[in-house]
Amino acid sequence: MTTKARVIGSLIVCSFFLAACQQPSSKTTDSTKSANANQPMLNVQFSAEMGSADLSLATDSYSFITLNNAYEGLYRLDENNEPVIAGASEDAMISEDGVVYTIKLREDAKWSNGEPVTAEDYVFSWQRTVDPATASNYAYMLAPVKNAAAISDGTKDKSELGIEAVTSHELKITLEKATPYFKSLLAFPTFFPQSEAVVQEHGDQYALTSANAVYNGPFTLEDYDGPGTDIQWTLKKNPEYWDAESVKLSGVQFDVVKESSTSYNLYESGQADDITLSGELAMQNVNHKDYVVQPSATTQYLEMNQAAEDSPFRNEKLRQAISYSLNRQQIVDQILGNGSLPAVGFVPSDLAFNPETKTDFVKDAGTSLPYDEEQAKKLWEQAKSELGKDTLTFELLTSDTDQSKKLAEYIQGTLQQTLEGLTVEVTNVPFSVRLDRSNSGDFEMVMNNWIGDYADPINFLELFKKDSSYNRGKWLDDTYDNLISEASDAYANDPQARWQNMVEAEQILNEKLGVIPLFQSAEAHLRSQKIKGLVVHSVGAAYDYKNVSLE
């Protein structure tokens, strides 16, 4: 997930409140109001706006959290990030060669308008996402499905996608090749169903507001007025959900709050159940009885625009000089203070393990990102000589959250102090603006992060292939591309050879610093012990509210 922004965007700041005001839905029946009257409401705070409520267009963590609870796919992830059946009525039947999946759907699953969820809804949704006309940045997630890449390239028609409705409640999915993590993909929002009738009814206004869509998850989305601008929206318990009896909350209220100190004050005054801490607030509360560190398979990194032939960031020594200037241990200790770890490479630790030895990928790769001021200065002088410049000025683009601002100030200060003649101009913008500028290539250096969509190194490493829509900085390396392609194709059924290819790719990315990793994210929380059943994922959509209750 990227900048998931699953981008992929800045870090999530979220808080849960016992009570919140909301406008009742015009679609809510009297019986539903009565049933919900004694159920609690959570209030969740994000640090930025939701990028999109469209399953085919969403790319950021805020959108994925919301959509993961308003929709449901064939599988959901459990507390161990393992896929369990959800919209499917039983586990998938998989052919011996691992290429064909036959999946039966629940016959009692309905949309929020009362219509049945059918196999055709999955076929339509997947075809819509890979259709070049949709311009989905997450279409690449469907690449394992037969013909998906060719359809996205415009060389085949979307009707040739490897998914078909055998009956109204049975799907047949054909892959290009065996994909070990495919069931985990089926739990990701990009693979969820969409109602063709509703999409056609609303046309280009589909999902631009919560009223212009229907939902099949534990909750419905309401009070959402548009992507990138709305600072408040609601999830309300869905009475049409097949497992509505298991949903303990009446709903979830989302509010955009960019000042972490505000969340802290609300918690201390008893109005909040769960808040995220950073910086001094995290360090000051490490001994608090409600202090919790929540690990995440997320890497925060600097991406440099290398698209233009005259881009100074094409110079490898410049990129290395910047990396050597950054004291990552100081960043996590003195700026974040929330349990985050200094990055030693791009792939985070505790994500994936050697299929034979069970060794962490990070240990097998053996990469490092040392802080060395003298080496940074030496490389900077060499870079200036190769570039024919004595000075260099560039813009660092970041989100406007507290944490992003503090990180940007540190990077600006340390680079200007270490690399004489370098000027860094910081621009803090709302998350949606940063995402738009990143996607359009309108940046020189941007602070991005990637939240793992599924627990496999390829999800991180494939971002920087030449043809990846998430290679926004346009770093290119043929050897790297070949290694990733082999891992995905030639070695798809050879776990150990595939693993070695990914290790070598990580080593190349780290040596040449196509991007500059900063840290592996964690979140420090003050979380009330009254919250029960909250499922937190280190990959994919971060939170599942389906079984949450408050004691």
Protein backbone atom coordinates (compact mmCIF):
# COMPACT_ATOMS: atom_id res chain seq x y z
CA MET A 1 0.00 0.00 0.00
CA THR A 2 1.51 3.61 -0.80
CA THR A 3 1.63 6.04 -0.63
CA LYS A 4 -0.63 3.81 0.04
CA ALA A 5 0.58 6.19 -0.32
CA ARG A 6 -2.00 1.10 0.62
CA VAL A 7 0.50 4.45 -0.24
CA ILE A 8 0.38 5.58 -0.17
CA GLY A 9 0.59 8.74 2.20
CA SER A 10 1.79 10.08 5.53
CA LEU A 11 1.42 8.13 8.77
CA ILE A 12 -2.06 7.47 10.18
CA VAL A 13 -3.11 9.36 13.28
CA CYS A 14 -6.31 7.89 14.65
CA SER A 15 -8.37 8.16 17.80
CA PHE A 16 -11.50 6.41 19.00
CA PHE A 17 -14.22 8.29 20.89
CA LEU A 18 -17.12 6.93 22.92
CA ALA A 19 -19.64 9.43 21.62
CA ALA A 20 -20.03 11.56 18.52
CA CYS A 21 -22.70 13.53 16.71
CA GLN A 22 -23.89 12.32 13.34
CA GLN A 23 -26.73 12.99 10.96
CA PRO A 24 -29.14 10.04 10.70
CA SER A 25 -29.25 8.44 7.28
CA SER A 26 -32.45 8.90 5.32
CA LYS A 27 -32.15 5.21 4.41
CA THR A 28 -32.04 4.06 8.04
CA THR A 29 -35.26 2.34 9.14
CA ASP A 30 -36.95 2.92 12.49
CA SER A 31 -36.15 -0.65 13.52
CA THR A 32 -32.48 -0.10 12.71
CA LYS A 33 -32.43 3.11 14.76
CA SER A 34 -33.89 1.21 17.66
CA ALA A 35 -31.42 -1.65 17.30
CA ASN A 36 -28.52 0.79 17.19
CA ALA A 37 -29.72 2.97 20.07
CA ASN A 38 -27.81 1.04 22.73
CA GLN A 39 -24.73 0.33 20.61
CA PRO A 40 -21.64 2.53 21.08
CA MET A 41 -20.07 4.81 18.49
CA LEU A 42 -16.34 5.16 17.88
CA ASN A 43 -14.79 8.42 16.75
CA VAL A 44 -11.65 7.96 14.69
CA GLN A 45 -9.22 10.72 13.80
CA PHE A 46 -7.06 10.72 10.68
CA SER A 47 -4.21 13.12 10.01
CA ALA A 48 -5.38 13.79 6.43
CA GLU A 49 -8.37 13.60 4.14
CA MET A 50 -9.53 10.40 2.43
CA GLY A 51 -8.24 10.30 -1.14
CA SER A 52 -11.10 8.37 -2.77
CA ALA A 53 -14.15 6.28 -1.90
CA ASP A 54 -13.91 4.44 -5.22
CA LEU A 55 -12.53 0.89 -4.87
CA SER A 56 -10.88 1.15 -8.29
CA LEU A 57 -9.23 4.51 -7.60
CA ALA A 58 -8.28 4.41 -3.90
CA THR A 59 -4.55 4.40 -3.17
CA ASP A 60 -4.09 5.79 0.34
CA SER A 61 -4.26 4.19 3.78
CA TYR A 62 -7.16 6.41 4.93
CA SER A 63 -9.33 5.28 2.02
CA PHE A 64 -8.40 1.62 2.43
CA ILE A 65 -9.32 1.62 6.14
CA THR A 66 -12.72 3.10 5.35
CA LEU A 67 -13.42 0.90 2.34
CA ASN A 68 -12.26 -2.26 4.13
CA ASN A 69 -15.13 -1.74 6.56
CA ALA A 70 -17.77 -0.49 4.11
CA TYR A 71 -17.14 -3.35 1.65
CA GLU A 72 -16.21 -7.00 1.89
CA GLY A 73 -14.35 -9.28 -0.49
CA LEU A 74 -14.03 -13.04 -0.73
CA TYR A 75 -11.65 -13.05 2.25
CA ARG A 76 -10.83 -10.86 5.25
CA LEU A 77 -7.51 -10.78 7.11
CA ASP A 78 -7.53 -12.06 10.68
CA GLU A 79 -5.44 -10.74 13.58
CA ASN A 80 -2.41 -12.65 12.21
CA ASN A 81 -2.75 -11.17 8.71
CA GLU A 82 -3.98 -14.55 7.45
CA PRO A 83 -6.91 -14.67 4.97
CA VAL A 84 -10.17 -16.16 6.27
CA ILE A 85 -13.37 -16.64 4.27
CA ALA A 86 -15.79 -13.70 4.26
CA GLY A 87 -17.81 -13.12 1.07
CA ALA A 88 -16.90 -16.68 0.06
CA SER A 89 -19.02 -19.45 1.50
CA GLU A 90 -16.07 -21.87 1.65
CA ASP A 91 -12.35 -21.89 1.02
CA ALA A 92 -11.17 -21.68 -2.60
CA MET A 93 -10.60 -24.86 -4.60
CA ILE A 94 -7.17 -24.49 -6.20
CA SER A 95 -5.88 -26.54 -9.13
CA GLU A 96 -2.72 -28.62 -8.70
CA ASP A 97 -0.65 -26.16 -10.72
CA GLY A 98 -1.89 -23.27 -8.56
CA VAL A 99 -3.35 -21.39 -11.52
CA VAL A 100 -7.14 -21.88 -11.31
CA TYR A 101 -9.24 -20.85 -8.29
CA THR A 102 -12.88 -21.88 -8.00
CA ILE A 103 -14.76 -19.97 -5.29
CA LYS A 104 -18.36 -20.19 -4.15
CA LEU A 105 -20.04 -17.04 -2.78
CA ARG A 106 -22.40 -16.62 0.15
CA GLU A 107 -25.95 -16.65 -1.13
CA ASP A 108 -27.13 -14.48 1.76
CA ALA A 109 -24.74 -11.59 0.98
CA LYS A 110 -26.54 -8.38 -0.05
CA TRP A 111 -25.77 -4.84 -1.07
CA SER A 112 -27.01 -2.05 1.19
CA ASN A 113 -29.88 -1.48 -1.27
CA GLY A 114 -31.09 -5.04 -0.69
CA GLU A 115 -29.87 -6.48 -4.00
CA PRO A 116 -27.86 -9.75 -3.87
CA VAL A 117 -24.07 -9.71 -4.20
CA THR A 118 -23.29 -11.95 -7.17
CA ALA A 119 -20.30 -13.35 -9.00
CA GLU A 120 -20.98 -10.86 -11.78
CA ASP A 121 -20.26 -8.02 -9.31
CA TYR A 122 -16.71 -9.34 -8.87
CA VAL A 123 -16.22 -9.78 -12.61
CA PHE A 124 -17.41 -6.24 -13.28
CA SER A 125 -15.30 -4.72 -10.50
CA TRP A 126 -12.05 -6.38 -11.56
CA GLN A 127 -12.65 -5.56 -15.23
CA ARG A 128 -13.39 -1.95 -14.33
CA THR A 129 -10.14 -1.65 -12.36
CA VAL A 130 -7.87 -3.01 -15.12
CA ASP A 131 -9.68 -1.05 -17.86
CA PRO A 132 -7.24 1.68 -19.01
CA ALA A 133 -10.18 4.10 -19.16
CA THR A 134 -10.51 3.89 -15.37
CA ALA A 135 -6.86 4.96 -14.90
CA SER A 136 -6.47 2.97 -11.69
CA ASN A 137 -3.07 3.28 -10.02
CA TYR A 138 -3.77 0.02 -8.23
CA ALA A 139 -4.58 -1.96 -11.39
CA TYR A 140 -1.12 -3.48 -11.06
CA MET A 141 -2.38 -5.42 -8.01
CA LEU A 142 -4.45 -7.54 -10.41
CA ALA A 143 -1.38 -8.45 -12.48
CA PRO A 144 -1.41 -12.10 -11.30
CA VAL A 145 -4.81 -12.55 -12.99
CA LYS A 146 -4.62 -13.81 -16.56
CA ASN A 147 -4.41 -11.01 -19.17
CA ALA A 148 -4.63 -8.23 -16.57
CA ALA A 149 -1.35 -6.59 -17.60
CA ALA A 150 -2.21 -6.82 -21.30
CA ILE A 151 -5.61 -5.24 -20.66
CA SER A 152 -4.05 -2.39 -18.67
CA ASP A 153 -1.59 -1.88 -21.53
CA GLY A 154 -4.48 -1.63 -23.97
CA THR A 155 -3.46 -4.70 -25.99
CA LYS A 156 -6.40 -6.87 -24.88
CA ASP A 157 -10.06 -6.22 -24.10
CA LYS A 158 -11.21 -6.24 -20.48
CA SER A 159 -13.58 -9.10 -21.30
CA GLU A 160 -10.50 -11.35 -21.61
CA LEU A 161 -9.59 -10.93 -17.93
CA GLY A 162 -9.15 -14.29 -16.18
CA ILE A 163 -12.30 -14.11 -14.05
CA GLU A 164 -15.72 -15.50 -14.96
CA ALA A 165 -19.05 -16.07 -13.28
CA VAL A 166 -19.72 -19.81 -13.55
CA THR A 167 -23.08 -19.24 -11.89
CA SER A 168 -24.51 -16.26 -10.02
CA HIS A 169 -22.69 -17.47 -6.90
CA GLU A 170 -19.58 -19.20 -8.22
CA LEU A 171 -16.40 -17.66 -9.58
CA LYS A 172 -13.61 -19.14 -11.65
CA ILE A 173 -10.35 -17.20 -11.52
CA THR A 174 -7.44 -18.04 -13.81
CA LEU A 175 -3.97 -16.70 -13.06
CA GLU A 176 -1.02 -16.09 -15.36
CA LYS A 177 1.06 -18.34 -13.09
CA ALA A 178 1.00 -19.69 -9.58
CA THR A 179 1.01 -16.82 -7.08
CA PRO A 180 1.77 -17.95 -3.51
CA TYR A 181 0.11 -14.92 -1.86
CA PHE A 182 -3.00 -14.71 -4.06
CA LYS A 183 -5.55 -15.50 -1.32
CA SER A 184 -4.14 -12.60 0.71
CA LEU A 185 -4.73 -10.34 -2.29
CA LEU A 186 -8.39 -11.34 -2.29
CA ALA A 187 -8.71 -9.68 1.13
CA PHE A 188 -7.50 -6.33 -0.24
CA PRO A 189 -10.06 -3.62 -1.18
CA THR A 190 -8.95 -3.46 -4.83
CA PHE A 191 -10.36 -7.00 -5.22
CA PHE A 192 -13.77 -6.26 -3.67
CA PRO A 193 -17.00 -6.33 -5.74
CA GLN A 194 -18.83 -3.35 -7.23
CA SER A 195 -22.42 -3.12 -8.45
CA GLU A 196 -22.46 -2.52 -12.20
CA ALA A 197 -26.00 -1.11 -12.07
CA VAL A 198 -25.01 1.50 -9.46
CA VAL A 199 -21.80 2.45 -11.28
CA GLN A 200 -23.73 2.96 -14.51
CA GLU A 201 -26.49 4.86 -12.73
CA HIS A 202 -24.08 7.48 -11.35
CA GLY A 203 -21.57 7.57 -14.20
CA ASP A 204 -18.64 9.90 -13.56
CA GLN A 205 -20.22 10.85 -10.21
CA TYR A 206 -19.95 7.29 -8.91
CA ALA A 207 -18.48 7.17 -5.37
CA LEU A 208 -17.64 10.87 -5.39
CA THR A 209 -20.04 11.08 -2.46
CA SER A 210 -21.23 8.36 -0.11
CA ALA A 211 -24.76 8.55 -1.55
CA ASN A 212 -23.49 7.60 -5.01
CA ALA A 213 -22.53 4.01 -4.14
CA VAL A 214 -23.82 0.89 -2.38
CA TYR A 215 -21.96 -1.23 0.17
CA ASN A 216 -21.76 -4.89 1.18
CA GLY A 217 -19.57 -4.66 4.30
CA PRO A 218 -20.29 -4.52 8.05
CA PHE A 219 -20.90 -0.77 7.68
CA THR A 220 -22.14 1.67 5.06
CA LEU A 221 -20.35 4.89 4.22
CA GLU A 222 -22.35 8.06 4.89
CA ASP A 223 -21.85 11.83 5.13
CA TYR A 224 -18.92 11.73 2.70
CA ASP A 225 -18.93 14.78 0.44
CA GLY A 226 -15.93 14.26 -1.79
CA PRO A 227 -12.30 13.14 -2.10
CA GLY A 228 -9.49 15.30 -0.79
CA THR A 229 -11.73 17.95 0.77
CA ASP A 230 -14.17 16.36 3.22
CA ILE A 231 -12.85 16.36 6.78
CA GLN A 232 -15.67 14.30 8.31
CA TRP A 233 -17.45 11.12 7.28
CA THR A 234 -19.24 8.20 8.94
CA LEU A 235 -19.43 4.43 8.85
CA LYS A 236 -22.88 3.26 10.01
CA LYS A 237 -23.83 -0.32 10.85
CA ASN A 238 -25.20 -2.02 7.73
CA PRO A 239 -28.50 -3.83 8.49
CA GLU A 240 -28.23 -5.72 5.18
CA TYR A 241 -24.82 -7.24 6.05
CA TRP A 242 -25.00 -11.05 6.18
CA ASP A 243 -23.28 -11.13 9.60
CA ALA A 244 -24.85 -7.99 11.09
CA GLU A 245 -25.41 -9.73 14.41
CA SER A 246 -21.64 -9.81 14.98
CA VAL A 247 -21.30 -6.02 14.54
CA LYS A 248 -21.34 -4.45 18.01
CA LEU A 249 -20.92 -0.78 17.06
CA SER A 250 -23.61 1.53 15.75
CA GLY A 251 -20.93 3.17 13.66
CA VAL A 252 -17.61 4.95 13.37
CA GLN A 253 -17.21 8.70 12.99
CA PHE A 254 -14.09 9.87 11.13
CA ASP A 255 -12.64 13.34 11.65
CA VAL A 256 -9.49 14.85 10.17
CA VAL A 257 -7.34 16.27 12.99
CA LYS A 258 -3.83 17.29 12.03
CA GLU A 259 -2.58 18.41 15.46
CA SER A 260 -1.54 15.40 17.55
CA SER A 261 -1.59 17.51 20.71
CA THR A 262 -5.35 17.96 20.22
CA SER A 263 -5.83 14.19 20.28
CA TYR A 264 -3.73 13.94 23.43
CA ASN A 265 -5.83 16.56 25.22
CA LEU A 266 -9.02 14.77 24.26
CA TYR A 267 -7.69 11.49 25.67
CA GLU A 268 -6.61 13.12 28.91
CA SER A 269 -10.05 14.71 29.31
CA GLY A 270 -11.76 11.32 28.88
CA GLN A 271 -13.26 12.03 25.46
CA ALA A 272 -11.03 9.70 23.44
CA ASP A 273 -10.50 5.94 23.65
CA ASP A 274 -7.43 5.55 21.44
CA ILE A 275 -4.96 8.16 20.20
CA THR A 276 -1.66 8.11 18.34
CA LEU A 277 1.35 9.82 19.90
CA SER A 278 4.52 11.07 18.25
CA GLY A 279 7.65 12.98 19.20
CA GLU A 280 7.73 14.42 22.68
CA LEU A 281 4.23 13.21 23.52
CA ALA A 282 5.25 9.62 22.79
CA MET A 283 8.45 9.89 24.81
CA GLN A 284 6.68 11.52 27.76
CA ASN A 285 4.04 8.79 27.98
CA VAL A 286 6.12 5.65 27.52
CA ASN A 287 5.32 4.56 31.10
CA HIS A 288 1.61 5.36 30.85
CA LYS A 289 -0.56 2.35 31.76
CA ASP A 290 -2.38 2.61 28.42
CA TYR A 291 0.78 3.01 26.29
CA VAL A 292 0.88 0.58 23.33
CA VAL A 293 3.38 0.33 20.46
CA GLN A 294 1.74 -0.83 17.25
CA PRO A 295 4.27 -2.14 14.67
CA SER A 296 3.60 -1.61 10.99
CA ALA A 297 5.03 -3.04 7.78
CA THR A 298 5.58 0.51 6.57
CA THR A 299 8.68 2.18 5.18
CA GLN A 300 9.02 5.96 5.14
CA TYR A 301 11.36 7.14 2.39
CA LEU A 302 12.53 10.03 0.26
CA GLU A 303 11.82 9.80 -3.47
CA MET A 304 13.73 11.96 -5.92
CA ASN A 305 12.49 12.97 -9.37
CA GLN A 306 14.92 11.52 -11.90
CA ALA A 307 12.65 11.73 -14.94
CA ALA A 308 14.41 14.62 -16.68
CA GLU A 309 17.79 13.99 -18.29
CA ASP A 310 19.25 17.00 -16.47
CA SER A 311 17.92 15.97 -13.06
CA PRO A 312 20.76 16.22 -10.51
CA PHE A 313 19.22 13.24 -8.70
CA ARG A 314 20.36 10.97 -11.51
CA ASN A 315 23.77 11.35 -9.92
CA GLU A 316 24.29 8.34 -7.66
CA LYS A 317 26.87 10.09 -5.48
CA LEU A 318 24.39 12.89 -4.70
CA ARG A 319 21.81 10.35 -3.55
CA GLN A 320 24.44 8.59 -1.45
CA ALA A 321 25.64 11.85 0.08
CA ILE A 322 22.09 12.66 1.17
CA SER A 323 21.66 9.21 2.71
CA TYR A 324 24.97 9.29 4.62
CA SER A 325 23.98 12.69 6.06
CA LEU A 326 20.89 11.32 7.80
CA ASN A 327 21.14 9.96 11.33
CA ARG A 328 18.22 7.53 11.30
CA GLN A 329 18.68 6.51 14.93
CA GLN A 330 18.34 10.14 15.93
CA ILE A 331 15.19 10.44 13.83
CA VAL A 332 13.41 7.55 15.57
CA ASP A 333 14.68 8.44 19.05
CA GLN A 334 14.39 12.22 19.14
CA ILE A 335 11.78 13.12 16.52
CA LEU A 336 9.41 10.15 16.49
CA GLY A 337 9.88 8.47 19.85
CA ASN A 338 7.08 6.03 19.03
CA GLY A 339 8.84 2.70 18.63
CA SER A 340 9.72 3.15 14.95
CA LEU A 341 12.96 1.52 13.78
CA PRO A 342 15.82 2.99 11.71
CA ALA A 343 15.60 1.65 8.16
CA VAL A 344 18.40 -0.67 7.05
CA GLY A 345 16.84 -1.22 3.64
CA PHE A 346 13.53 -0.71 1.88
CA VAL A 347 11.75 -3.95 2.86
CA PRO A 348 10.70 -3.81 6.54
CA SER A 349 11.57 -6.45 9.13
CA ASP A 350 9.08 -9.09 10.32
CA LEU A 351 7.31 -9.00 6.95
CA ALA A 352 8.55 -12.20 5.30
CA PHE A 353 10.83 -15.11 6.07
CA ASN A 354 13.12 -17.41 4.09
CA PRO A 355 11.01 -20.39 2.92
CA GLU A 356 13.75 -22.84 4.01
CA THR A 357 15.62 -21.29 6.95
CA LYS A 358 12.79 -19.02 8.22
CA THR A 359 15.32 -16.17 8.46
CA ASP A 360 13.91 -12.64 8.24
CA PHE A 361 14.27 -11.14 4.76
CA VAL A 362 16.09 -8.14 6.22
CA LYS A 363 18.76 -10.38 7.76
CA ASP A 364 19.23 -12.35 4.54
CA ALA A 365 19.61 -9.15 2.52
CA GLY A 366 22.19 -7.83 5.01
CA THR A 367 21.80 -4.22 3.89
CA SER A 368 22.58 -1.13 5.96
CA LEU A 369 22.10 2.63 5.78
CA PRO A 370 24.87 4.08 7.94
CA TYR A 371 25.25 7.64 9.17
CA ASP A 372 28.69 8.98 8.23
CA GLU A 373 29.12 12.74 8.02
CA GLU A 374 32.64 12.59 6.57
CA GLN A 375 31.63 10.13 3.86
CA ALA A 376 28.62 12.31 3.05
CA LYS A 377 30.87 15.36 2.56
CA LYS A 378 33.29 13.39 0.39
CA LEU A 379 30.49 12.11 -1.84
CA TRP A 380 28.94 15.58 -2.01
CA GLU A 381 32.19 17.05 -3.36
CA GLN A 382 32.39 14.28 -5.96
CA ALA A 383 28.77 14.83 -6.92
CA LYS A 384 29.28 18.58 -7.36
CA SER A 385 32.29 17.92 -9.57
CA GLU A 386 30.38 15.45 -11.75
CA LEU A 387 27.36 17.78 -11.97
CA GLY A 388 29.51 20.83 -12.67
CA LYS A 389 27.82 22.73 -9.82
CA ASP A 390 29.02 24.50 -6.69
CA THR A 391 25.54 24.89 -5.23
CA LEU A 392 22.24 23.08 -5.49
CA THR A 393 18.70 24.01 -4.43
CA PHE A 394 15.70 21.72 -4.43
CA GLU A 395 12.21 21.53 -2.92
CA LEU A 396 11.28 18.88 -0.35
CA LEU A 397 7.54 18.18 -0.58
CA THR A 398 5.78 16.75 2.49
CA SER A 399 2.34 16.49 4.05
CA ASP A 400 1.26 19.11 6.57
CA THR A 401 0.96 16.83 9.62
CA ASP A 402 2.95 17.53 12.79
CA GLN A 403 5.23 14.56 12.24
CA SER A 404 5.88 15.33 8.57
CA LYS A 405 6.74 18.93 9.41
CA LYS A 406 9.22 17.90 12.11
CA LEU A 407 10.84 15.33 9.84
CA ALA A 408 11.15 17.86 7.04
CA GLU A 409 12.74 20.39 9.40
CA TYR A 410 15.29 17.79 10.51
CA ILE A 411 16.13 16.76 6.93
CA GLN A 412 16.42 20.38 5.84
CA GLY A 413 18.67 21.30 8.76
CA THR A 414 21.00 18.32 8.66
CA LEU A 415 21.47 18.37 4.88
CA GLN A 416 22.20 22.10 4.78
CA GLN A 417 24.59 21.81 7.72
CA THR A 418 26.47 18.78 6.34
CA LEU A 419 26.51 19.49 2.60
CA GLU A 420 27.90 22.99 2.07
CA GLY A 421 26.20 24.78 -0.80
CA LEU A 422 23.00 22.75 -0.62
CA THR A 423 19.68 24.51 0.02
CA VAL A 424 16.50 22.58 0.83
CA GLU A 425 13.20 24.44 0.51
CA VAL A 426 10.40 22.69 2.43
CA THR A 427 6.80 22.76 1.19
CA ASN A 428 4.10 21.33 3.50
CA VAL A 429 0.78 20.63 1.79
CA PRO A 430 -2.41 18.67 2.60
CA PHE A 431 -2.05 14.95 2.02
CA SER A 432 -4.34 14.96 -1.02
CA VAL A 433 -2.22 17.66 -2.66
CA ARG A 434 1.00 15.76 -1.95
CA LEU A 435 -0.54 12.63 -3.43
CA ASP A 436 -1.69 14.46 -6.57
CA ARG A 437 1.70 16.11 -7.04
CA SER A 438 3.50 12.80 -6.50
CA ASN A 439 1.29 11.00 -9.03
CA SER A 440 1.76 13.71 -11.64
CA GLY A 441 5.54 13.92 -11.12
CA ASP A 442 5.29 17.51 -9.89
CA PHE A 443 8.07 17.30 -7.31
CA GLU A 444 11.84 17.36 -6.92
CA MET A 445 12.07 15.39 -3.66
CA VAL A 446 9.01 14.06 -1.85
CA MET A 447 8.59 12.27 1.47
CA ASN A 448 6.50 9.16 0.82
CA ASN A 449 5.71 5.96 2.63
CA TRP A 450 4.59 2.51 1.61
CA ILE A 451 2.35 0.35 3.76
CA GLY A 452 2.57 -3.31 2.80
CA ASP A 453 -0.54 -4.55 1.00
CA TYR A 454 0.38 -8.18 1.68
CA ALA A 455 3.18 -10.03 3.48
CA ASP A 456 5.67 -10.58 0.67
CA PRO A 457 8.84 -8.60 -0.23
CA ILE A 458 7.72 -8.32 -3.85
CA ASN A 459 5.00 -5.88 -2.75
CA PHE A 460 7.73 -3.41 -1.79
CA LEU A 461 10.33 -4.21 -4.44
CA GLU A 462 8.01 -4.13 -7.46
CA LEU A 463 7.27 -0.44 -6.78
CA PHE A 464 10.49 0.58 -8.50
CA LYS A 465 10.31 -1.42 -11.69
CA LYS A 466 10.48 0.70 -14.80
CA ASP A 467 6.80 0.21 -15.63
CA SER A 468 5.41 0.67 -12.09
CA SER A 469 2.99 3.57 -11.62
CA TYR A 470 4.50 3.96 -8.14
CA ASN A 471 7.99 4.55 -9.48
CA ARG A 472 7.14 8.23 -9.43
CA GLY A 473 10.77 9.32 -9.34
CA LYS A 474 11.57 7.22 -12.45
CA TRP A 475 14.68 5.52 -11.06
CA LEU A 476 15.72 2.96 -13.65
CA ASP A 477 17.98 -0.09 -13.38
CA ASP A 478 17.81 -2.95 -15.88
CA THR A 479 19.39 -5.54 -13.58
CA TYR A 480 16.90 -4.68 -10.85
CA ASP A 481 13.99 -4.96 -13.31
CA ASN A 482 15.19 -8.37 -14.52
CA LEU A 483 15.48 -9.71 -10.97
CA ILE A 484 11.94 -8.63 -10.08
CA SER A 485 10.57 -10.03 -13.34
CA GLU A 486 12.26 -13.38 -12.75
CA ALA A 487 10.96 -13.52 -9.18
CA SER A 488 7.44 -12.94 -10.48
CA ASP A 489 7.64 -15.15 -13.57
CA ALA A 490 10.39 -17.73 -14.04
CA TYR A 491 10.67 -18.54 -10.33
CA ALA A 492 7.02 -18.23 -9.31
CA ASN A 493 6.97 -21.94 -8.40
CA ASP A 494 10.53 -22.04 -7.04
CA PRO A 495 10.32 -20.38 -3.60
CA GLN A 496 14.05 -20.44 -2.84
CA ALA A 497 15.21 -19.08 -6.22
CA ARG A 498 12.48 -16.43 -6.03
CA TRP A 499 13.66 -15.45 -2.55
CA GLN A 500 17.27 -15.09 -3.69
CA ASN A 501 16.22 -12.85 -6.59
CA MET A 502 14.35 -10.56 -4.23
CA VAL A 503 17.33 -10.43 -1.86
CA GLU A 504 19.62 -9.38 -4.72
CA ALA A 505 17.12 -6.76 -5.89
CA GLU A 506 16.96 -5.27 -2.38
CA GLN A 507 20.76 -5.09 -2.30
CA ILE A 508 20.86 -3.20 -5.61
CA LEU A 509 18.17 -0.74 -4.50
CA ASN A 510 20.08 -0.15 -1.26
CA GLU A 511 23.49 0.26 -2.91
CA LYS A 512 22.32 2.65 -5.63
CA LEU A 513 19.70 4.35 -3.45
CA GLY A 514 17.01 4.57 -6.09
CA VAL A 515 15.03 5.89 -3.13
CA ILE A 516 16.34 6.77 0.34
CA PRO A 517 14.64 4.80 3.16
CA LEU A 518 14.31 6.62 6.47
CA PHE A 519 12.58 4.39 9.00
CA GLN A 520 10.19 1.49 9.54
CA SER A 521 7.08 2.95 11.07
CA ALA A 522 5.39 2.09 14.32
CA GLU A 523 2.63 3.94 16.13
CA ALA A 524 2.65 4.75 19.82
CA HIS A 525 -0.86 4.74 21.22
CA LEU A 526 -2.69 5.51 24.38
CA ARG A 527 -5.48 2.94 24.04
CA SER A 528 -8.28 2.43 26.51
CA GLN A 529 -8.59 -1.11 27.83
CA LYS A 530 -12.34 -0.84 27.21
CA ILE A 531 -11.74 -1.41 23.47
CA LYS A 532 -12.13 -5.09 22.63
CA GLY A 533 -11.96 -6.94 19.34
CA LEU A 534 -10.05 -4.32 17.34
CA VAL A 535 -8.09 -6.12 14.62
CA VAL A 536 -4.90 -4.28 13.64
CA HIS A 537 -3.08 -5.25 10.46
CA SER A 538 0.58 -4.54 9.73
CA VAL A 539 -0.22 -5.01 6.02
CA GLY A 540 -3.23 -4.02 3.94
CA ALA A 541 -5.98 -1.92 5.49
CA ALA A 542 -4.78 -1.09 8.99
CA TYR A 543 -8.01 -1.54 10.99
CA ASP A 544 -11.03 -3.85 10.98
CA TYR A 545 -13.92 -2.59 13.09
CA LYS A 546 -16.33 -5.47 12.41
CA ASN A 547 -15.96 -7.13 15.82
CA VAL A 548 -15.08 -4.10 17.95
CA SER A 549 -16.96 -3.61 21.20
CA LEU A 550 -16.58 -1.29 24.19
CA GLU A 551 -16.82 -2.68 27.69
